[in-house]
Structures are given as structure tokens and as C-alpha cells.
Amino acid sequence: MGRKYSIILLFLVFLTVLLRTAWIGDDAYITMRSVDNWVNGYGLTWNPAERVQTFTHPLWMLLLAGAYFVVGNAYFSLIGLSLLVSLAVMLAFLIWGAQNEFDLALGGLLLILSNAFIDYSTSGLENPISHLLALLFVLYFLKSNGAMNARKIFLLGLLAGLAVLNRMDSILLYLPALLYIFWQDRTPKNVGRLLMGFIPFTLWSLFSLFYYGFVFPNTYYAKLNTSIPHGTLVQQGVLYFFNSILLDPITLFIIASSLLAAFLWGDSRQKLIGAGMILYLGYVVYIGGDLMSGRFFSICFLLAVVLLLRHSDALGWRRKFLLGLVALFLGLMSPSLAFNPPVHLDLEIANRSGISDEQGFYYGGSGLLRWGRYHKLPEHEWVSEGINLRKQGPQVYVGKGIGYLGFYAGPQVHVIDYFALSDTLLARLPLQQGIKWDIGHIRRAIPDGYLETLETGTNKIADPNLAVYYEKFSMVTRGNLWSWERIQAIFDLNIGKYDALLDAYLREVNQ
């Protein structure tokens, strides 16, 4: 069989797997509510009354907005864009990522066996575009032997810049390679070419600072201001790795094998990509991992497969054949095979660590193959609850899962969540004492008078220090965009001028 036909066959296999496993999670609809508001003239907001950035992936959000403007259906915008980008990832991998037919088959087998990669090739989250940008960057970086010309420097900078625009923390994956490019030729022109690639990210950051009042998304503050001891977070990060070993053993095995091969047989550039992967994986441990099993491993897994295939000659066909057998064995060990529609798993270790198989949980109501004439997707109790809230009319609602619910409740319902993902004030408050927490879902106590404040538009917060603190946030998120007082408040809040007010409130409630 020729290389061309091998590529076509593997592409069709991957397409079949994607169609069988495609799903959309609740968190994707958090972004879609902002997109829906924007497309319908309410601004790029979560609740139209205030400017809060609830999404962590600006580039993905912009692509979704374009798709939603054309398609007009949230579910098919999310699933369609995810499928298109993921198919582009696979096509790029098959064309440029493997040197021969054996490597094509091995690479394709590895990709379809990984739950992390397959699960988050859809889901509605930003992973597909992260996969594509990282793959193109690594392939181009490894291909660029010797000194880099101006075009290569700019394109590599642009790919990295777009990846950071898609998700800020991805900079760690690219940092060693970017430092290498910078160090190789430190002339002002080449440094300028590299930095030009970050112009889109810089423009978004300036827009975010002006429009929302902060460079970072609200979710950053919601997950930063928790008061959870750092040692506990690191322990949770280790549990995230344990969870992957249980549910998806092939993913970390291939990542570890790839890093070992890169540092044993790889050239300097392959080692730099490996160093970026180590930085990123260390960061995953540092922040406590994630609620979603495998989500933060998908991009490293894809790069690991690329690096492994780069050592084709050093490994030899016997070692590669053995690697394929081991990978197949580990892939079949998974409680839920990556290439099959999932089953919801009730595993004790997952429940105890607060890390869930999100695809297994949501597929029954959001899997693409569940769609039918009498089944509008997604189907979930939060969808029904959101529709009922829309029918009831304007109100303030406090809940937990706010993606499906928030989107279907519509812009007239002011939706906030106990986990502070959608509210600037709650995101600055620490973990509610005495409440069990899961990573990414850190519950806050609602301050006395805060709901009445949101309902009436008048500051009725009981604590005087917190009331003044809220006024500053309200000026930023609700005030006239162009007022000097608002610009001053943005500056003051970002330098921590009013943090003493929050500290005084916390001392009072903790007495």
C-alpha cells in the first residue's frame, strides 16, 4: 500500500473514531453564553449588566463566534468547529509527522488509543486549536535545521503567539524553543520578528485590560484566591497523574517514553521540545491538575508521539513494533476504550480525588451520535432548568453547573455560581470553610446583602469594607467604559490598592 493510500485510510479511521466519540461538555457552554450575548448585541459579557471574562481561551472564543454567527446553533457550532480543527490536526500529522508507512500506522494507533487525545479532540473546549498550533510549531521547529531565516522566525513566533492567545499557560510548552530562537540570533531585527508573532496576544491583552479591567480571565482569580495550602494543591496535582494512569494508562506511558527517547537520542531541538513538555507537566502538578481527567495531557501526548517518530532510525523497527504492542496492551487496559462511545465510570479513586471522566459523564446527553429527530442536543437537567428560568423572566440565579443552564437561561437571567467562575467579587474570596472542594470547583460563601445588591442594582452588602471594595469592582465592570474614574479604578485594583478592604472583611468573618 502506498503512502498516499495509507494516509487516506488512517484519516478515515480517525474520522470514524471522532464521529463515534464526539461530545460537548457543560464548560463549553460557558464560552457559548458570552458568544451568544456578543452575537446578539449584548457585548462580550457573561451577564449583560457587567463585563466579566469567563472564558480562558480568547482565540477559540473568536473562532466560535464566527462559527455561531454563520451556523446559528450552539451545539453544532461547537461540535463542527471541534471536528474540523481536529481533522486538520490529524491530516497535518499524517502528512508531515511520519517518515514512512510503518511510522504512519504506529502514530495513528497511538493517537486513537489515548483517551486524553480523543476525548479532547472534541468537548467544545480549546484543545483542538491548541493541538493544531503546537503540532505545526513543533514540526516546523524540528524541520528548521541550521540558522533560521526571517520567515521561519516570524512564523514560529506567530504560532507560539496564537497558542498563548488561545491559552496563556501554554507559553511553558514553547518557552525553551523560543529562548533558543532568541539566543541563536539576538539581532534587533530577528528579536522584532519573533515578537511580532505576539501582536495578536498583545492586542487582546490591551483590550481585556480596558474592557474587563484585567488582563487575566476571571477564572484565573477564581482558582488563585482559594487559601488552599500549596502543598495540598501539589498533592492534588499528583493525584491528577494517578487518575490518568488508572483511566488512560497509555497517555503518560507514551509521554514518558518520548521524553526518555528525546534526552537519550534526540538532537538539541528535540530536547528543547521535551524541556517544554516537562515545564508544562510540572505546572500541571503545581496548580493541582484539573477537574477533567486527561484534559491537560492531550497536547503533551500529541507532541510525544511526534517526538517518538522522530527517533525512528534510532529505535529500529523491532523496538517500534514492541512499542506498538505495549501501547495496544495499555490502550486496551483502559476501563473505557478511547475509540468507543464511552460509558460512565463510577470509580472510587476518581470520586475520592475529585477528578471526573467528563466525556463519560456528558456523552449520554451530548454525544453526536445521540442526535435524532426527537432528541435535541444537549439533553441534561441543567438545560431544562435553564429553559424554565428563561420562561420565568428576569431574576438573579445562583447555581453550580452554569454552562448549559446559563446559555439556555438567556441574557435576562443574571447567573452566578458558587465557584466564582462568573463573578468578579466572589472570585476574590477564599474557599468557604467547612466545605469539601474539588480542584477547579472551589465553593465561596455569598456575602450578606450581595444577592440583594445584584437584584436591585443598589449596594446593600452588609460589611462596610466589602461594600466599598465591591464599589470599585462595580465601577470597572458596570461603569461607563470611557470614564476617567473607571480607568483610575482599573489601575488601582490591579496594583492592589484596595486589598486592605478585603483583608479587613476576611478578618471579620473569620473571627
Protein backbone atom coordinates (compact mmCIF):
# COMPACT_ATOMS: atom_id res chain seq x y z
CA MET A 1 0.00 0.00 0.00
CA GLY A 2 1.41 3.40 -1.00
CA ARG A 3 1.91 6.28 1.44
CA LYS A 4 -0.97 8.22 -0.11
CA TYR A 5 -3.46 5.40 0.46
CA SER A 6 -2.14 4.80 3.98
CA ILE A 7 -2.81 8.45 4.80
CA ILE A 8 -6.33 8.26 3.38
CA LEU A 9 -7.10 5.05 5.26
CA LEU A 10 -5.80 6.34 8.61
CA PHE A 11 -7.59 9.64 8.13
CA LEU A 12 -10.88 7.81 7.56
CA VAL A 13 -10.27 5.65 10.64
CA PHE A 14 -9.66 8.78 12.72
CA LEU A 15 -12.78 10.44 11.28
CA THR A 16 -14.83 7.38 12.25
CA VAL A 17 -13.43 7.42 15.78
CA LEU A 18 -14.15 11.14 16.15
CA LEU A 19 -17.73 10.78 14.96
CA ARG A 20 -18.29 7.90 17.38
CA THR A 21 -16.86 9.75 20.36
CA ALA A 22 -17.70 13.43 19.70
CA TRP A 23 -19.33 15.20 22.65
CA ILE A 24 -19.78 18.66 24.17
CA GLY A 25 -19.34 19.36 27.89
CA ASP A 26 -21.01 21.85 30.18
CA ASP A 27 -17.94 24.11 30.39
CA ALA A 28 -18.01 24.73 26.63
CA TYR A 29 -21.37 26.45 27.05
CA ILE A 30 -19.83 28.93 29.49
CA THR A 31 -17.99 30.36 26.50
CA MET A 32 -21.07 30.00 24.29
CA ARG A 33 -23.17 32.22 26.57
CA SER A 34 -20.65 35.04 26.09
CA VAL A 35 -20.57 34.33 22.34
CA ASP A 36 -24.38 34.36 22.19
CA ASN A 37 -24.51 37.67 24.06
CA TRP A 38 -21.94 39.19 21.71
CA VAL A 39 -23.63 37.98 18.52
CA ASN A 40 -26.98 39.29 19.77
CA GLY A 41 -25.72 42.73 20.72
CA TYR A 42 -25.22 42.39 24.49
CA GLY A 43 -21.46 42.77 24.35
CA LEU A 44 -18.77 40.20 25.05
CA THR A 45 -20.22 39.54 28.50
CA TRP A 46 -21.45 36.72 30.70
CA ASN A 47 -24.22 38.74 32.31
CA PRO A 48 -25.11 41.74 30.12
CA ALA A 49 -25.18 44.03 33.17
CA GLU A 50 -21.44 43.63 33.77
CA ARG A 51 -18.26 42.95 31.84
CA VAL A 52 -16.67 39.73 33.13
CA GLN A 53 -14.41 37.40 31.10
CA THR A 54 -15.50 33.88 31.99
CA PHE A 55 -13.57 32.12 29.20
CA THR A 56 -9.85 31.24 29.28
CA HIS A 57 -9.37 30.84 25.51
CA PRO A 58 -9.83 34.11 23.53
CA LEU A 59 -8.72 32.65 20.19
CA TRP A 60 -11.09 29.70 20.50
CA MET A 61 -13.87 32.07 21.55
CA LEU A 62 -13.33 34.24 18.45
CA LEU A 63 -13.44 31.19 16.18
CA LEU A 64 -16.62 30.00 17.91
CA ALA A 65 -18.19 33.42 17.48
CA GLY A 66 -17.58 33.23 13.74
CA ALA A 67 -19.00 29.72 13.54
CA TYR A 68 -22.03 30.63 15.66
CA PHE A 69 -22.71 33.74 13.57
CA VAL A 70 -22.87 31.55 10.46
CA VAL A 71 -24.47 28.37 11.85
CA GLY A 72 -26.80 29.90 14.45
CA ASN A 73 -26.84 26.74 16.59
CA ALA A 74 -24.61 26.47 19.66
CA TYR A 75 -24.23 22.69 19.70
CA PHE A 76 -23.39 22.29 16.03
CA SER A 77 -21.07 25.31 16.12
CA LEU A 78 -19.11 23.71 18.96
CA ILE A 79 -19.08 20.18 17.58
CA GLY A 80 -18.50 21.27 13.98
CA LEU A 81 -15.55 23.53 14.77
CA SER A 82 -14.01 20.90 17.07
CA LEU A 83 -14.28 18.24 14.37
CA LEU A 84 -12.89 20.44 11.59
CA VAL A 85 -9.86 21.54 13.59
CA SER A 86 -9.16 18.03 14.91
CA LEU A 87 -9.34 16.60 11.40
CA ALA A 88 -6.84 19.27 10.33
CA VAL A 89 -4.59 18.13 13.19
CA MET A 90 -4.73 14.53 12.02
CA LEU A 91 -4.14 15.45 8.39
CA ALA A 92 -1.10 17.56 9.29
CA PHE A 93 0.24 14.76 11.46
CA LEU A 94 -0.18 12.13 8.75
CA ILE A 95 1.38 14.28 6.03
CA TRP A 96 4.33 15.77 7.94
CA GLY A 97 4.65 13.85 11.20
CA ALA A 98 5.73 10.41 9.98
CA GLN A 99 8.56 9.38 7.68
CA ASN A 100 7.28 6.01 6.41
CA GLU A 101 4.20 3.80 6.36
CA PHE A 102 5.18 1.88 9.48
CA ASP A 103 5.50 5.15 11.41
CA LEU A 104 2.16 6.29 9.99
CA ALA A 105 0.48 3.17 11.31
CA LEU A 106 2.23 3.38 14.68
CA GLY A 107 1.42 7.07 15.12
CA GLY A 108 -2.19 6.60 14.11
CA LEU A 109 -2.56 3.66 16.51
CA LEU A 110 -1.13 5.67 19.42
CA LEU A 111 -3.41 8.63 18.80
CA ILE A 112 -6.65 6.66 18.64
CA LEU A 113 -5.76 4.69 21.78
CA SER A 114 -5.34 7.76 24.01
CA ASN A 115 -8.45 8.77 25.93
CA ALA A 116 -6.94 12.18 26.65
CA PHE A 117 -6.32 12.95 22.99
CA ILE A 118 -9.56 11.51 21.63
CA ASP A 119 -11.79 12.88 24.41
CA TYR A 120 -10.47 16.42 23.98
CA SER A 121 -10.35 16.38 20.22
CA THR A 122 -13.97 17.41 20.69
CA SER A 123 -15.63 18.51 24.01
CA GLY A 124 -16.13 22.10 22.82
CA LEU A 125 -13.07 23.31 24.72
CA GLU A 126 -9.94 24.87 23.21
CA ASN A 127 -7.84 21.69 22.97
CA PRO A 128 -8.22 21.15 19.20
CA ILE A 129 -6.74 24.54 18.28
CA SER A 130 -4.03 24.04 20.94
CA HIS A 131 -3.23 20.70 19.29
CA LEU A 132 -3.03 22.24 15.83
CA LEU A 133 -0.82 25.18 16.78
CA ALA A 134 1.54 23.04 18.87
CA LEU A 135 1.83 20.41 16.14
CA LEU A 136 2.62 22.96 13.43
CA PHE A 137 5.12 24.74 15.68
CA VAL A 138 6.99 21.55 16.59
CA LEU A 139 7.03 20.17 13.05
CA TYR A 140 8.33 23.47 11.67
CA PHE A 141 10.82 23.96 14.50
CA LEU A 142 12.28 20.46 14.10
CA LYS A 143 12.42 20.86 10.33
CA SER A 144 14.35 24.12 10.53
CA ASN A 145 17.94 22.84 10.55
CA GLY A 146 20.74 25.33 10.97
CA ALA A 147 20.25 29.09 11.21
CA MET A 148 16.70 30.33 10.88
CA ASN A 149 15.75 32.90 8.31
CA ALA A 150 13.41 35.82 8.89
CA ARG A 151 10.33 33.98 7.62
CA LYS A 152 10.85 30.99 9.92
CA ILE A 153 11.43 33.19 12.95
CA PHE A 154 8.26 35.15 12.31
CA LEU A 155 6.11 32.08 11.63
CA LEU A 156 7.34 30.27 14.73
CA GLY A 157 6.70 33.40 16.79
CA LEU A 158 3.23 33.71 15.29
CA LEU A 159 2.32 30.08 16.02
CA ALA A 160 3.51 30.45 19.61
CA GLY A 161 1.76 33.80 19.97
CA LEU A 162 -1.54 32.39 18.73
CA ALA A 163 -1.16 29.43 21.08
CA VAL A 164 -0.73 31.82 24.02
CA LEU A 165 -3.74 33.80 22.81
CA ASN A 166 -5.65 30.54 22.85
CA ARG A 167 -4.50 29.69 26.37
CA MET A 168 -1.96 31.72 28.34
CA ASP A 169 -0.38 28.88 30.27
CA SER A 170 0.64 27.12 27.06
CA ILE A 171 3.62 29.51 26.89
CA LEU A 172 5.53 26.98 29.01
CA LEU A 173 5.46 24.44 26.17
CA TYR A 174 7.06 26.92 23.79
CA LEU A 175 9.39 28.78 26.15
CA PRO A 176 12.59 26.69 25.73
CA ALA A 177 12.27 26.73 21.93
CA LEU A 178 11.53 30.47 21.88
CA LEU A 179 14.55 31.18 24.08
CA TYR A 180 16.66 29.09 21.71
CA ILE A 181 15.43 31.07 18.70
CA PHE A 182 16.11 34.31 20.54
CA TRP A 183 19.59 33.24 21.65
CA GLN A 184 20.61 31.91 18.25
CA ASP A 185 20.45 35.33 16.61
CA ARG A 186 19.88 38.21 19.01
CA THR A 187 19.91 40.99 16.43
CA PRO A 188 17.17 43.60 16.93
CA LYS A 189 15.56 42.66 13.61
CA ASN A 190 15.19 38.98 14.48
CA VAL A 191 14.01 39.71 18.00
CA GLY A 192 11.45 42.06 16.48
CA ARG A 193 10.30 39.38 14.03
CA LEU A 194 9.84 36.91 16.87
CA LEU A 195 7.91 39.41 18.97
CA MET A 196 5.71 40.39 16.02
CA GLY A 197 4.09 36.98 16.31
CA PHE A 198 2.76 38.01 19.72
CA ILE A 199 0.97 41.10 18.40
CA PRO A 200 -2.47 39.36 18.42
CA PHE A 201 -1.95 38.33 22.05
CA THR A 202 -0.78 41.82 22.98
CA LEU A 203 -3.79 43.43 21.32
CA TRP A 204 -6.16 41.07 23.13
CA SER A 205 -4.44 41.75 26.45
CA LEU A 206 -4.84 45.51 25.97
CA PHE A 207 -8.49 45.03 25.01
CA SER A 208 -9.08 42.78 28.02
CA LEU A 209 -7.47 45.29 30.38
CA PHE A 210 -9.62 48.10 29.01
CA TYR A 211 -12.91 46.24 28.55
CA TYR A 212 -12.88 43.85 31.51
CA GLY A 213 -10.45 45.74 33.73
CA PHE A 214 -7.97 42.86 33.99
CA VAL A 215 -5.52 41.09 31.69
CA PHE A 216 -6.28 37.65 33.09
CA PRO A 217 -9.70 35.95 32.81
CA ASN A 218 -11.96 35.83 35.86
CA THR A 219 -11.38 32.08 36.13
CA TYR A 220 -7.72 32.79 36.91
CA TYR A 221 -8.70 34.75 40.01
CA ALA A 222 -11.37 32.21 40.97
CA LYS A 223 -8.75 29.46 41.03
CA LEU A 224 -5.97 31.59 42.53
CA ASN A 225 -7.71 33.13 45.54
CA THR A 226 -8.63 29.93 47.36
CA SER A 227 -6.49 29.93 50.55
CA ILE A 228 -5.80 26.22 49.91
CA PRO A 229 -2.26 25.33 51.12
CA HIS A 230 0.13 24.94 48.22
CA GLY A 231 1.27 21.55 49.44
CA THR A 232 -2.32 20.35 49.21
CA LEU A 233 -2.55 21.61 45.63
CA VAL A 234 0.63 19.78 44.68
CA GLN A 235 -0.77 16.61 46.24
CA GLN A 236 -3.90 17.08 44.13
CA GLY A 237 -1.69 17.55 41.07
CA VAL A 238 -0.02 14.21 41.74
CA LEU A 239 -3.47 12.62 42.06
CA TYR A 240 -4.24 14.01 38.60
CA PHE A 241 -1.39 11.88 37.24
CA PHE A 242 -2.57 8.85 39.22
CA ASN A 243 -6.05 9.30 37.79
CA SER A 244 -4.65 9.22 34.26
CA ILE A 245 -2.69 6.05 34.99
CA LEU A 246 -5.94 4.43 36.14
CA LEU A 247 -8.27 5.62 33.39
CA ASP A 248 -5.87 6.15 30.48
CA PRO A 249 -2.55 4.34 31.06
CA ILE A 250 -1.22 4.74 27.51
CA THR A 251 -1.09 8.53 27.65
CA LEU A 252 1.50 9.02 30.38
CA PHE A 253 3.43 5.94 29.21
CA ILE A 254 3.94 7.45 25.75
CA ILE A 255 4.78 10.87 27.20
CA ALA A 256 7.41 9.33 29.49
CA SER A 257 8.81 7.13 26.70
CA SER A 258 9.05 10.11 24.37
CA LEU A 259 10.88 12.25 26.91
CA LEU A 260 13.31 9.41 27.60
CA ALA A 261 13.98 8.97 23.87
CA ALA A 262 14.38 12.72 23.33
CA PHE A 263 17.05 13.06 26.01
CA LEU A 264 18.82 9.82 25.03
CA TRP A 265 18.86 10.11 21.24
CA GLY A 266 17.38 13.47 20.34
CA ASP A 267 19.21 16.47 18.95
CA SER A 268 19.21 19.82 20.74
CA ARG A 269 15.89 20.92 19.26
CA GLN A 270 14.11 17.72 20.26
CA LYS A 271 15.48 18.17 23.78
CA LEU A 272 14.08 21.71 23.83
CA ILE A 273 10.61 20.44 22.95
CA GLY A 274 10.99 17.82 25.68
CA ALA A 275 12.02 20.53 28.13
CA GLY A 276 8.87 22.49 27.27
CA MET A 277 6.76 19.42 27.93
CA ILE A 278 8.43 18.93 31.32
CA LEU A 279 7.81 22.58 32.23
CA TYR A 280 4.16 22.23 31.30
CA LEU A 281 3.68 18.96 33.18
CA GLY A 282 5.37 20.48 36.22
CA TYR A 283 2.94 23.38 36.01
CA VAL A 284 0.04 20.92 35.94
CA VAL A 285 1.26 19.47 39.23
CA TYR A 286 1.88 22.95 40.66
CA ILE A 287 -1.70 24.15 40.06
CA GLY A 288 -3.31 20.94 41.31
CA GLY A 289 -4.22 19.41 37.96
CA ASP A 290 -7.78 19.78 36.76
CA LEU A 291 -11.29 18.55 37.34
CA MET A 292 -11.35 16.91 33.89
CA SER A 293 -9.40 13.67 33.60
CA GLY A 294 -6.73 13.86 30.88
CA ARG A 295 -7.56 17.35 29.64
CA PHE A 296 -4.13 18.81 30.42
CA PHE A 297 -2.28 15.80 28.98
CA SER A 298 -3.72 15.79 25.45
CA ILE A 299 -1.33 18.36 23.97
CA CYS A 300 1.77 16.75 25.54
CA PHE A 301 0.63 13.35 24.28
CA LEU A 302 0.39 14.61 20.69
CA LEU A 303 3.86 16.15 20.88
CA ALA A 304 5.17 12.96 22.49
CA VAL A 305 4.00 10.90 19.51
CA VAL A 306 5.71 13.34 17.13
CA LEU A 307 8.97 13.14 19.08
CA LEU A 308 8.86 9.34 19.24
CA LEU A 309 8.51 9.07 15.49
CA ARG A 310 11.49 11.42 15.09
CA HIS A 311 13.62 8.67 16.63
CA SER A 312 12.50 6.15 14.04
CA ASP A 313 16.02 5.22 12.94
CA ALA A 314 17.42 5.06 16.48
CA LEU A 315 14.57 2.86 17.68
CA GLY A 316 14.59 0.45 14.76
CA TRP A 317 11.58 -1.48 13.56
CA ARG A 318 11.82 -4.14 16.30
CA ARG A 319 11.65 -1.59 19.12
CA LYS A 320 8.88 0.29 17.35
CA PHE A 321 6.95 -2.93 16.89
CA LEU A 322 7.39 -3.72 20.59
CA LEU A 323 6.32 -0.17 21.45
CA GLY A 324 3.19 -0.64 19.37
CA LEU A 325 2.35 -3.90 21.16
CA VAL A 326 2.86 -2.33 24.59
CA ALA A 327 0.76 0.67 23.58
CA LEU A 328 -2.00 -1.59 22.31
CA PHE A 329 -1.93 -3.54 25.57
CA LEU A 330 -2.11 -0.34 27.65
CA GLY A 331 -4.82 1.12 25.45
CA LEU A 332 -6.95 -1.98 25.88
CA MET A 333 -6.36 -1.83 29.65
CA SER A 334 -8.33 1.41 29.85
CA PRO A 335 -11.74 0.97 31.54
CA SER A 336 -13.25 2.95 28.65
CA LEU A 337 -11.66 2.38 25.24
CA ALA A 338 -10.78 5.70 23.62
CA PHE A 339 -12.20 4.76 20.21
CA ASN A 340 -15.58 3.60 21.56
CA PRO A 341 -18.50 5.75 22.70
CA PRO A 342 -17.88 6.00 26.44
CA VAL A 343 -19.65 4.51 29.39
CA HIS A 344 -19.93 6.49 32.61
CA LEU A 345 -17.48 5.11 35.14
CA ASP A 346 -18.12 5.18 38.87
CA LEU A 347 -14.58 4.54 40.07
CA GLU A 348 -13.68 5.05 43.71
CA ILE A 349 -10.29 6.63 43.02
CA ALA A 350 -11.84 9.17 40.66
CA ASN A 351 -14.52 10.10 43.18
CA ARG A 352 -12.02 10.39 46.03
CA SER A 353 -9.69 12.67 44.07
CA GLY A 354 -12.43 14.90 42.67
CA ILE A 355 -11.34 14.21 39.08
CA SER A 356 -14.00 13.03 36.68
CA ASP A 357 -14.33 11.31 33.34
CA GLU A 358 -16.15 14.26 31.77
CA GLN A 359 -16.80 12.57 28.45
CA GLY A 360 -18.27 9.55 30.19
CA PHE A 361 -20.50 11.82 32.26
CA TYR A 362 -21.80 14.04 29.46
CA TYR A 363 -21.77 11.79 26.39
CA GLY A 364 -25.22 10.31 27.03
CA GLY A 365 -26.82 13.73 26.61
CA SER A 366 -24.36 15.42 24.27
CA GLY A 367 -22.72 12.74 22.10
CA LEU A 368 -23.05 13.48 18.40
CA LEU A 369 -24.43 10.02 17.63
CA ARG A 370 -27.16 10.57 20.24
CA TRP A 371 -28.72 13.20 17.99
CA GLY A 372 -32.04 12.37 16.35
CA ARG A 373 -35.33 13.86 15.24
CA TYR A 374 -36.74 13.63 18.75
CA HIS A 375 -33.51 14.35 20.61
CA LYS A 376 -32.20 17.90 20.57
CA LEU A 377 -28.67 18.11 21.93
CA PRO A 378 -27.58 18.60 24.60
CA GLU A 379 -30.04 16.77 26.83
CA HIS A 380 -29.47 17.46 30.51
CA GLU A 381 -31.37 18.59 33.57
CA TRP A 382 -29.39 21.85 33.52
CA VAL A 383 -30.69 22.54 30.01
CA SER A 384 -34.28 22.07 31.21
CA GLU A 385 -33.61 24.22 34.26
CA GLY A 386 -32.17 26.97 32.09
CA ILE A 387 -35.19 26.92 29.77
CA ASN A 388 -37.50 27.20 32.78
CA LEU A 389 -35.52 30.15 34.12
CA ARG A 390 -35.82 31.90 30.75
CA LYS A 391 -39.60 31.44 30.86
CA GLN A 392 -39.77 32.90 34.37
CA GLY A 393 -38.16 36.14 33.25
CA PRO A 394 -35.51 38.44 34.76
CA GLN A 395 -34.03 37.27 38.06
CA VAL A 396 -30.76 36.51 39.85
CA TYR A 397 -29.84 32.82 39.97
CA VAL A 398 -27.04 31.18 41.94
CA GLY A 399 -26.00 27.65 40.97
CA LYS A 400 -23.13 25.22 40.43
CA GLY A 401 -23.06 23.97 36.85
CA ILE A 402 -23.66 27.14 34.82
CA GLY A 403 -22.69 26.23 31.24
CA TYR A 404 -25.78 24.53 29.86
CA LEU A 405 -28.01 26.36 32.34
CA GLY A 406 -26.55 29.80 31.69
CA PHE A 407 -26.77 29.50 27.92
CA TYR A 408 -30.37 28.32 27.88
CA ALA A 409 -31.47 30.74 30.61
CA GLY A 410 -30.65 33.60 28.27
CA PRO A 411 -29.35 37.12 28.87
CA GLN A 412 -32.26 38.31 31.02
CA VAL A 413 -31.33 35.93 33.86
CA HIS A 414 -28.33 37.09 35.90
CA VAL A 415 -26.42 33.85 36.56
CA ILE A 416 -23.61 33.49 39.07
CA ASP A 417 -22.06 30.37 40.55
CA TYR A 418 -20.78 29.33 43.96
CA PHE A 419 -17.43 28.50 42.34
CA ALA A 420 -16.96 32.17 41.32
CA LEU A 421 -16.20 31.46 37.65
CA SER A 422 -18.64 34.17 36.54
CA ASP A 423 -18.42 36.80 39.29
CA THR A 424 -15.54 39.19 39.96
CA LEU A 425 -16.26 39.77 43.65
CA LEU A 426 -16.71 36.11 44.57
CA ALA A 427 -13.53 35.26 42.66
CA ARG A 428 -11.56 37.36 45.16
CA LEU A 429 -12.95 35.48 48.16
CA PRO A 430 -11.31 32.35 49.60
CA LEU A 431 -12.69 28.84 49.92
CA GLN A 432 -15.81 28.59 52.06
CA GLN A 433 -14.68 26.98 55.30
CA GLY A 434 -16.00 23.53 56.19
CA ILE A 435 -16.99 22.69 52.60
CA LYS A 436 -15.45 19.86 50.57
CA TRP A 437 -13.73 21.16 47.45
CA ASP A 438 -12.76 19.70 44.11
CA ILE A 439 -10.00 21.22 42.01
CA GLY A 440 -11.45 23.96 39.82
CA HIS A 441 -14.68 23.93 41.84
CA ILE A 442 -13.81 25.97 44.92
CA ARG A 443 -17.04 27.00 46.63
CA ARG A 444 -17.42 30.51 48.07
CA ALA A 445 -19.84 31.83 50.66
CA ILE A 446 -22.19 34.53 49.34
CA PRO A 447 -21.62 37.71 51.41
CA ASP A 448 -24.63 39.09 53.29
CA GLY A 449 -26.51 41.52 51.09
CA TYR A 450 -24.74 40.60 47.86
CA LEU A 451 -27.71 38.92 46.16
CA GLU A 452 -29.91 41.90 47.08
CA THR A 453 -27.24 44.13 45.53
CA LEU A 454 -27.41 42.21 42.25
CA GLU A 455 -31.21 42.17 42.28
CA THR A 456 -31.71 45.88 42.95
CA GLY A 457 -28.60 47.46 41.46
CA THR A 458 -28.02 49.23 44.80
CA ASN A 459 -25.09 48.31 47.04
CA LYS A 460 -26.63 46.50 50.02
CA ILE A 461 -23.60 44.50 51.12
CA ALA A 462 -23.70 44.35 54.91
CA ASP A 463 -19.98 44.58 55.65
CA PRO A 464 -18.78 48.19 55.13
CA ASN A 465 -15.28 47.21 53.99
CA LEU A 466 -16.54 44.72 51.42
CA ALA A 467 -19.19 47.22 50.29
CA VAL A 468 -16.51 49.77 49.39
CA TYR A 469 -14.39 47.05 47.78
CA TYR A 470 -17.35 45.99 45.63
CA GLU A 471 -17.99 49.60 44.57
CA LYS A 472 -14.57 49.70 42.93
CA PHE A 473 -15.23 46.48 41.03
CA SER A 474 -18.68 47.68 40.06
CA MET A 475 -17.21 50.86 38.61
CA VAL A 476 -14.89 48.75 36.44
CA THR A 477 -17.39 46.10 35.32
CA ARG A 478 -20.56 48.22 35.13
CA GLY A 479 -19.41 51.82 34.73
CA ASN A 480 -19.02 53.91 31.59
CA LEU A 481 -16.21 52.40 29.54
CA TRP A 482 -14.57 55.74 28.85
CA SER A 483 -14.91 57.46 32.22
CA TRP A 484 -11.70 58.60 33.90
CA GLU A 485 -12.93 57.28 37.26
CA ARG A 486 -13.21 53.81 35.74
CA ILE A 487 -9.72 53.96 34.23
CA GLN A 488 -8.35 55.03 37.61
CA ALA A 489 -10.22 52.17 39.34
CA ILE A 490 -8.73 49.66 36.86
CA PHE A 491 -5.25 50.87 37.73
CA ASP A 492 -5.91 50.89 41.47
CA LEU A 493 -7.41 47.38 41.54
CA ASN A 494 -4.58 45.91 39.51
CA ILE A 495 -1.92 47.31 41.85
CA GLY A 496 -3.83 46.07 44.91
CA LYS A 497 -4.69 49.49 46.33
CA TYR A 498 -7.92 48.24 47.90
CA ASP A 499 -6.75 44.81 49.07
CA ALA A 500 -6.72 46.05 52.67
CA LEU A 501 -10.52 46.38 52.50
CA LEU A 502 -10.84 42.73 51.50
CA ASP A 503 -8.38 41.68 54.21
CA ALA A 504 -10.41 43.57 56.82
CA TYR A 505 -13.60 41.80 55.68
CA LEU A 506 -11.94 38.39 55.82
CA ARG A 507 -10.60 39.03 59.31
CA GLU A 508 -14.11 39.95 60.41
CA VAL A 509 -15.81 36.83 59.01
CA ASN A 510 -13.05 34.52 60.28
CA GLN A 511 -13.34 35.68 63.89
